[in-house]
Amino acid sequence: PWNSLVAGLAGGAVIGMTTGRPQIVGATAIGVGLLMAFVDMSGAKTVRNEEELEFKRMGLLPKQHRESDALTALKEQFPQHKDL
């Protein structure tokens, strides 16, 4: 987290320098530095339960794709667009 803290401090200082006010430069540097350190410490994963996420993504799909009756009717009505 130290590398990301220092990089956040530098990046925040550059962003704060656009205002030209030293107080804003310092506050922005500290804020962005802390944000980057916290993001780095939280880790690479964005979810706590990966099995639940995998079920939400893939578990509700049928084993074999089946077109709905409405889609079949539309493909029959517009045969020039059936391969879209």
N, C-alpha and C. Protein backbone atom coordinates (compact mmCIF):
# COMPACT_ATOMS: atom_id res chain seq x y z
N PRO A 1 0.81 -1.22 0.00
CA PRO A 1 0.00 0.00 0.00
C PRO A 1 0.85 1.28 0.00
N TRP A 2 2.13 1.15 0.35
CA TRP A 2 2.95 2.37 0.41
C TRP A 2 3.18 2.95 -0.97
N ASN A 3 3.42 2.10 -1.95
CA ASN A 3 3.63 2.61 -3.30
C ASN A 3 2.39 3.32 -3.82
N SER A 4 1.23 2.73 -3.58
CA SER A 4 0.01 3.37 -4.05
C SER A 4 -0.28 4.65 -3.27
N LEU A 5 0.09 4.68 -1.99
CA LEU A 5 -0.09 5.91 -1.21
C LEU A 5 0.75 7.04 -1.78
N VAL A 6 2.01 6.75 -2.06
CA VAL A 6 2.91 7.78 -2.60
C VAL A 6 2.46 8.21 -3.99
N ALA A 7 2.04 7.24 -4.81
CA ALA A 7 1.56 7.58 -6.15
C ALA A 7 0.28 8.41 -6.07
N GLY A 8 -0.60 8.07 -5.13
CA GLY A 8 -1.82 8.86 -4.94
C GLY A 8 -1.52 10.27 -4.45
N LEU A 9 -0.53 10.39 -3.56
CA LEU A 9 -0.13 11.72 -3.10
C LEU A 9 0.37 12.57 -4.27
N ALA A 10 1.21 11.97 -5.12
CA ALA A 10 1.75 12.71 -6.25
C ALA A 10 0.65 13.06 -7.24
N GLY A 11 -0.21 12.09 -7.54
CA GLY A 11 -1.30 12.34 -8.47
C GLY A 11 -2.28 13.37 -7.94
N GLY A 12 -2.60 13.28 -6.66
CA GLY A 12 -3.50 14.26 -6.06
C GLY A 12 -2.90 15.65 -6.03
N ALA A 13 -1.59 15.74 -5.83
CA ALA A 13 -0.92 17.05 -5.85
C ALA A 13 -0.99 17.66 -7.25
N VAL A 14 -0.79 16.83 -8.26
CA VAL A 14 -0.87 17.35 -9.64
C VAL A 14 -2.29 17.82 -9.94
N ILE A 15 -3.27 17.05 -9.51
CA ILE A 15 -4.66 17.47 -9.73
C ILE A 15 -4.95 18.76 -8.97
N GLY A 16 -4.48 18.84 -7.72
CA GLY A 16 -4.73 20.04 -6.91
C GLY A 16 -4.01 21.27 -7.42
N MET A 17 -2.90 21.09 -8.13
CA MET A 17 -2.16 22.25 -8.65
C MET A 17 -2.93 23.01 -9.72
N THR A 18 -3.96 22.42 -10.26
CA THR A 18 -4.75 23.14 -11.26
C THR A 18 -5.49 24.31 -10.64
N THR A 19 -5.70 24.27 -9.31
CA THR A 19 -6.38 25.38 -8.65
C THR A 19 -5.42 26.51 -8.28
N GLY A 20 -4.16 26.17 -8.05
CA GLY A 20 -3.18 27.18 -7.67
C GLY A 20 -3.19 27.54 -6.19
N ARG A 21 -3.99 26.83 -5.40
CA ARG A 21 -4.06 27.11 -3.97
C ARG A 21 -3.38 25.98 -3.19
N PRO A 22 -2.42 26.31 -2.33
CA PRO A 22 -1.66 25.27 -1.62
C PRO A 22 -2.53 24.40 -0.70
N GLN A 23 -3.58 24.97 -0.13
CA GLN A 23 -4.44 24.18 0.74
C GLN A 23 -5.17 23.09 -0.04
N ILE A 24 -5.61 23.44 -1.23
CA ILE A 24 -6.30 22.48 -2.08
C ILE A 24 -5.32 21.41 -2.56
N VAL A 25 -4.09 21.83 -2.88
CA VAL A 25 -3.07 20.87 -3.32
C VAL A 25 -2.84 19.83 -2.23
N GLY A 26 -2.65 20.28 -1.01
CA GLY A 26 -2.40 19.36 0.11
C GLY A 26 -3.59 18.46 0.40
N ALA A 27 -4.77 19.04 0.43
CA ALA A 27 -5.96 18.25 0.73
C ALA A 27 -6.23 17.21 -0.36
N THR A 28 -6.07 17.61 -1.61
CA THR A 28 -6.29 16.68 -2.70
C THR A 28 -5.25 15.57 -2.70
N ALA A 29 -4.01 15.92 -2.42
CA ALA A 29 -2.95 14.91 -2.36
C ALA A 29 -3.22 13.89 -1.27
N ILE A 30 -3.58 14.37 -0.08
CA ILE A 30 -3.86 13.45 1.02
C ILE A 30 -5.08 12.58 0.71
N GLY A 31 -6.13 13.20 0.18
CA GLY A 31 -7.35 12.45 -0.12
C GLY A 31 -7.14 11.38 -1.17
N VAL A 32 -6.50 11.73 -2.27
CA VAL A 32 -6.28 10.74 -3.34
C VAL A 32 -5.28 9.69 -2.87
N GLY A 33 -4.27 10.10 -2.11
CA GLY A 33 -3.31 9.13 -1.60
C GLY A 33 -3.96 8.10 -0.69
N LEU A 34 -4.81 8.55 0.22
CA LEU A 34 -5.51 7.61 1.10
C LEU A 34 -6.46 6.72 0.33
N LEU A 35 -7.16 7.30 -0.64
CA LEU A 35 -8.08 6.50 -1.45
C LEU A 35 -7.33 5.39 -2.18
N MET A 36 -6.20 5.73 -2.78
CA MET A 36 -5.43 4.73 -3.51
C MET A 36 -4.88 3.66 -2.57
N ALA A 37 -4.45 4.05 -1.38
CA ALA A 37 -3.95 3.07 -0.42
C ALA A 37 -5.07 2.13 0.03
N PHE A 38 -6.26 2.66 0.29
CA PHE A 38 -7.38 1.82 0.71
C PHE A 38 -7.81 0.87 -0.40
N VAL A 39 -7.81 1.35 -1.64
CA VAL A 39 -8.15 0.49 -2.77
C VAL A 39 -7.11 -0.62 -2.91
N ASP A 40 -5.85 -0.29 -2.71
CA ASP A 40 -4.80 -1.30 -2.80
C ASP A 40 -4.91 -2.32 -1.68
N MET A 41 -5.26 -1.88 -0.48
CA MET A 41 -5.37 -2.80 0.65
C MET A 41 -6.60 -3.69 0.55
N SER A 42 -7.62 -3.22 -0.16
CA SER A 42 -8.84 -4.03 -0.26
C SER A 42 -8.63 -5.26 -1.11
N GLY A 43 -7.61 -5.27 -1.95
CA GLY A 43 -7.30 -6.47 -2.71
C GLY A 43 -7.85 -6.44 -4.12
N ALA A 44 -7.53 -7.49 -4.85
CA ALA A 44 -7.91 -7.55 -6.26
C ALA A 44 -9.36 -8.00 -6.45
N LYS A 45 -9.94 -8.63 -5.47
CA LYS A 45 -11.29 -9.15 -5.62
C LYS A 45 -12.31 -8.08 -5.26
N THR A 46 -13.38 -8.04 -6.02
CA THR A 46 -14.41 -7.03 -5.78
C THR A 46 -15.64 -7.61 -5.09
N VAL A 47 -15.66 -8.92 -4.87
CA VAL A 47 -16.79 -9.55 -4.20
C VAL A 47 -16.28 -10.42 -3.06
N ARG A 48 -17.13 -10.66 -2.08
CA ARG A 48 -16.73 -11.51 -0.95
C ARG A 48 -16.96 -12.98 -1.24
N ASN A 49 -18.10 -13.28 -1.84
CA ASN A 49 -18.46 -14.67 -2.09
C ASN A 49 -18.44 -14.91 -3.59
N GLU A 50 -17.37 -15.47 -4.10
CA GLU A 50 -17.24 -15.67 -5.54
C GLU A 50 -18.15 -16.77 -6.06
N GLU A 51 -18.45 -17.77 -5.23
CA GLU A 51 -19.36 -18.83 -5.67
C GLU A 51 -20.76 -18.27 -5.92
N GLU A 52 -21.22 -17.37 -5.06
CA GLU A 52 -22.53 -16.76 -5.25
C GLU A 52 -22.55 -15.91 -6.51
N LEU A 53 -21.48 -15.18 -6.75
CA LEU A 53 -21.39 -14.38 -7.96
C LEU A 53 -21.41 -15.26 -9.21
N GLU A 54 -20.69 -16.36 -9.17
CA GLU A 54 -20.67 -17.28 -10.31
C GLU A 54 -22.07 -17.85 -10.57
N PHE A 55 -22.80 -18.15 -9.49
CA PHE A 55 -24.17 -18.64 -9.66
C PHE A 55 -25.07 -17.57 -10.26
N LYS A 56 -24.90 -16.34 -9.81
CA LYS A 56 -25.70 -15.25 -10.38
C LYS A 56 -25.41 -15.06 -11.86
N ARG A 57 -24.15 -15.23 -12.23
CA ARG A 57 -23.78 -15.03 -13.63
C ARG A 57 -24.16 -16.20 -14.50
N MET A 58 -23.93 -17.41 -14.03
CA MET A 58 -24.06 -18.59 -14.89
C MET A 58 -25.11 -19.60 -14.44
N GLY A 59 -25.51 -19.57 -13.20
CA GLY A 59 -26.36 -20.61 -12.66
C GLY A 59 -27.80 -20.58 -13.13
N LEU A 60 -28.27 -19.46 -13.60
CA LEU A 60 -29.67 -19.35 -13.98
C LEU A 60 -29.90 -19.63 -15.46
N LEU A 61 -28.85 -19.88 -16.21
CA LEU A 61 -29.00 -20.13 -17.63
C LEU A 61 -29.35 -21.59 -17.87
N PRO A 62 -30.17 -21.86 -18.86
CA PRO A 62 -30.46 -23.26 -19.18
C PRO A 62 -29.24 -23.93 -19.80
N LYS A 63 -29.20 -25.26 -19.76
CA LYS A 63 -28.07 -25.99 -20.32
C LYS A 63 -27.99 -25.80 -21.83
N GLN A 64 -29.14 -25.74 -22.49
CA GLN A 64 -29.16 -25.53 -23.93
C GLN A 64 -30.04 -24.32 -24.23
N HIS A 65 -29.54 -23.46 -25.13
CA HIS A 65 -30.28 -22.25 -25.48
C HIS A 65 -31.56 -22.61 -26.22
N ARG A 66 -32.66 -21.99 -25.83
CA ARG A 66 -33.94 -22.19 -26.48
C ARG A 66 -34.54 -20.83 -26.78
N GLU A 67 -34.89 -20.62 -28.03
CA GLU A 67 -35.48 -19.34 -28.41
C GLU A 67 -36.92 -19.26 -27.92
N SER A 68 -37.32 -18.05 -27.58
CA SER A 68 -38.69 -17.86 -27.14
C SER A 68 -39.63 -17.91 -28.34
N ASP A 69 -40.91 -18.09 -28.03
CA ASP A 69 -41.91 -18.13 -29.10
C ASP A 69 -42.00 -16.79 -29.82
N ALA A 70 -41.83 -15.70 -29.07
CA ALA A 70 -41.90 -14.38 -29.68
C ALA A 70 -40.74 -14.17 -30.66
N LEU A 71 -39.55 -14.62 -30.29
CA LEU A 71 -38.40 -14.48 -31.18
C LEU A 71 -38.56 -15.33 -32.43
N THR A 72 -39.08 -16.53 -32.27
CA THR A 72 -39.32 -17.40 -33.42
C THR A 72 -40.33 -16.76 -34.36
N ALA A 73 -41.37 -16.17 -33.81
CA ALA A 73 -42.38 -15.50 -34.63
C ALA A 73 -41.78 -14.31 -35.37
N LEU A 74 -40.91 -13.56 -34.71
CA LEU A 74 -40.28 -12.42 -35.37
C LEU A 74 -39.35 -12.88 -36.49
N LYS A 75 -38.64 -13.98 -36.27
CA LYS A 75 -37.75 -14.49 -37.31
C LYS A 75 -38.55 -14.98 -38.52
N GLU A 76 -39.73 -15.53 -38.28
CA GLU A 76 -40.58 -15.94 -39.39
C GLU A 76 -41.16 -14.74 -40.11
N GLN A 77 -41.46 -13.69 -39.36
CA GLN A 77 -42.05 -12.48 -39.95
C GLN A 77 -41.01 -11.70 -40.75
N PHE A 78 -39.77 -11.69 -40.29
CA PHE A 78 -38.71 -10.95 -40.95
C PHE A 78 -37.55 -11.90 -41.27
N PRO A 79 -37.67 -12.70 -42.31
CA PRO A 79 -36.63 -13.72 -42.59
C PRO A 79 -35.30 -13.11 -43.00
N GLN A 80 -35.30 -11.88 -43.51
CA GLN A 80 -34.03 -11.28 -43.93
C GLN A 80 -33.14 -10.94 -42.73
N HIS A 81 -33.69 -10.92 -41.53
CA HIS A 81 -32.93 -10.58 -40.33
C HIS A 81 -32.77 -11.76 -39.38
N LYS A 82 -33.02 -12.98 -39.84
CA LYS A 82 -33.01 -14.12 -38.92
C LYS A 82 -31.63 -14.48 -38.39
N ASP A 83 -30.56 -14.04 -39.06
CA ASP A 83 -29.21 -14.39 -38.61
C ASP A 83 -28.57 -13.34 -37.71
N LEU A 84 -29.31 -12.34 -37.31
CA LEU A 84 -28.72 -11.30 -36.46
C LEU A 84 -28.57 -11.78 -35.04
